Amino acid sequence: MDRTWMYNAKRTDAYFCGDLNKFIQVAETHARNEKTQFMPCPCNACKNLRVFNDPFTIRSHVMVIDFVEDYTI
């Protein structure tokens, strides 16, 4: 997955929001495949260390705080 949108697009752009929705869908699929409800939050405050079972929380964190620097899965 190309990650340039995570850092180069404005968080208010439709392009960013669309790719963020795709990202959340992939994270939800990954969680289901791992047989868990929890997903790590990739925002700059949580840094993948906090987990949530609500994709809305993760989406909100990323929209407000932005992605952690050099995000990797």
C-alpha atoms as a PDB file:
ATOM      1  CA  MET A   1       0.000   0.000   0.000  1.00  0.00           C
ATOM      2  CA  ASP A   2       1.347   3.417  -0.978  1.00  0.00           C
ATOM      3  CA  ARG A   3       1.722   5.486   2.186  1.00  0.00           C
ATOM      4  CA  THR A   4       2.495   8.915   0.739  1.00  0.00           C
ATOM      5  CA  TRP A   5      -1.126  10.003   1.309  1.00  0.00           C
ATOM      6  CA  MET A   6      -0.576   9.558   5.058  1.00  0.00           C
ATOM      7  CA  TYR A   7       1.886  12.438   5.163  1.00  0.00           C
ATOM      8  CA  ASN A   8       1.465  14.508   1.995  1.00  0.00           C
ATOM      9  CA  ALA A   9      -2.284  15.025   1.734  1.00  0.00           C
ATOM     10  CA  LYS A  10      -4.278  17.458   3.857  1.00  0.00           C
ATOM     11  CA  ARG A  11      -6.395  15.565   6.366  1.00  0.00           C
ATOM     12  CA  THR A  12      -9.475  17.488   5.186  1.00  0.00           C
ATOM     13  CA  ASP A  13      -9.048  16.448   1.534  1.00  0.00           C
ATOM     14  CA  ALA A  14     -11.448  13.909   0.070  1.00  0.00           C
ATOM     15  CA  TYR A  15      -8.384  12.025  -1.188  1.00  0.00           C
ATOM     16  CA  PHE A  16      -7.072  11.592   2.372  1.00  0.00           C
ATOM     17  CA  CYS A  17     -10.487  10.649   3.755  1.00  0.00           C
ATOM     18  CA  GLY A  18     -11.015   8.064   1.010  1.00  0.00           C
ATOM     19  CA  ASP A  19      -7.641   6.445   1.601  1.00  0.00           C
ATOM     20  CA  LEU A  20      -8.166   6.560   5.359  1.00  0.00           C
ATOM     21  CA  ASN A  21     -11.460   4.680   4.890  1.00  0.00           C
ATOM     22  CA  LYS A  22      -9.623   2.043   2.818  1.00  0.00           C
ATOM     23  CA  PHE A  23      -6.931   1.836   5.507  1.00  0.00           C
ATOM     24  CA  ILE A  24      -9.562   1.308   8.223  1.00  0.00           C
ATOM     25  CA  GLN A  25     -11.226  -1.419   6.146  1.00  0.00           C
ATOM     26  CA  VAL A  26      -7.896  -3.226   5.773  1.00  0.00           C
ATOM     27  CA  ALA A  27      -7.275  -2.904   9.528  1.00  0.00           C
ATOM     28  CA  GLU A  28     -10.737  -4.313  10.284  1.00  0.00           C
ATOM     29  CA  THR A  29     -10.142  -7.244   7.915  1.00  0.00           C
ATOM     30  CA  HIS A  30      -6.761  -7.898   9.497  1.00  0.00           C
ATOM     31  CA  ALA A  31      -8.301  -7.885  12.986  1.00  0.00           C
ATOM     32  CA  ARG A  32     -10.989 -10.352  11.883  1.00  0.00           C
ATOM     33  CA  ASN A  33      -8.342 -12.616  10.319  1.00  0.00           C
ATOM     34  CA  GLU A  34      -6.418 -12.497  13.595  1.00  0.00           C
ATOM     35  CA  LYS A  35      -9.665 -13.353  15.424  1.00  0.00           C
ATOM     36  CA  THR A  36      -9.632 -10.202  17.511  1.00  0.00           C
ATOM     37  CA  GLN A  37     -11.855  -7.148  17.778  1.00  0.00           C
ATOM     38  CA  PHE A  38      -8.970  -4.826  18.575  1.00  0.00           C
ATOM     39  CA  MET A  39      -6.922  -2.706  16.211  1.00  0.00           C
ATOM     40  CA  PRO A  40      -3.813  -0.695  17.102  1.00  0.00           C
ATOM     41  CA  CYS A  41      -4.226   3.029  16.634  1.00  0.00           C
ATOM     42  CA  PRO A  42      -1.623   4.466  14.219  1.00  0.00           C
ATOM     43  CA  CYS A  43      -2.061   8.090  15.289  1.00  0.00           C
ATOM     44  CA  ASN A  44       0.934  10.110  16.412  1.00  0.00           C
ATOM     45  CA  ALA A  45      -0.222  10.057  20.043  1.00  0.00           C
ATOM     46  CA  CYS A  46      -0.995   6.319  20.332  1.00  0.00           C
ATOM     47  CA  LYS A  47       1.900   5.180  18.102  1.00  0.00           C
ATOM     48  CA  ASN A  48       0.329   1.723  17.590  1.00  0.00           C
ATOM     49  CA  LEU A  49       0.610   1.062  21.347  1.00  0.00           C
ATOM     50  CA  ARG A  50      -3.073   1.608  22.232  1.00  0.00           C
ATOM     51  CA  VAL A  51      -5.747  -0.625  20.764  1.00  0.00           C
ATOM     52  CA  PHE A  52      -9.418   0.058  20.154  1.00  0.00           C
ATOM     53  CA  ASN A  53     -12.329  -2.062  19.017  1.00  0.00           C
ATOM     54  CA  ASP A  54     -14.057   0.929  17.442  1.00  0.00           C
ATOM     55  CA  PRO A  55     -12.840   2.034  14.002  1.00  0.00           C
ATOM     56  CA  PHE A  56     -14.523   5.413  14.549  1.00  0.00           C
ATOM     57  CA  THR A  57     -12.078   6.155  17.391  1.00  0.00           C
ATOM     58  CA  ILE A  58      -9.088   5.293  15.230  1.00  0.00           C
ATOM     59  CA  ARG A  59     -10.433   7.367  12.335  1.00  0.00           C
ATOM     60  CA  SER A  60     -10.998  10.314  14.686  1.00  0.00           C
ATOM     61  CA  HIS A  61      -7.510  10.061  16.168  1.00  0.00           C
ATOM     62  CA  VAL A  62      -5.887  10.029  12.735  1.00  0.00           C
ATOM     63  CA  MET A  63      -8.037  12.915  11.494  1.00  0.00           C
ATOM     64  CA  VAL A  64      -7.202  15.084  14.513  1.00  0.00           C
ATOM     65  CA  ILE A  65      -3.676  13.980  15.445  1.00  0.00           C
ATOM     66  CA  ASP A  66      -2.276  12.558  12.158  1.00  0.00           C
ATOM     67  CA  PHE A  67      -0.377   9.327  11.517  1.00  0.00           C
ATOM     68  CA  VAL A  68       2.672   8.312  13.515  1.00  0.00           C
ATOM     69  CA  GLU A  69       5.912   9.159  11.696  1.00  0.00           C
ATOM     70  CA  ASP A  70       7.155   6.332   9.396  1.00  0.00           C
ATOM     71  CA  TYR A  71       4.087   4.150  10.008  1.00  0.00           C
ATOM     72  CA  THR A  72       4.517   0.437   9.381  1.00  0.00           C
ATOM     73  CA  ILE A  73       2.227  -2.461  10.156  1.00  0.00           C
END
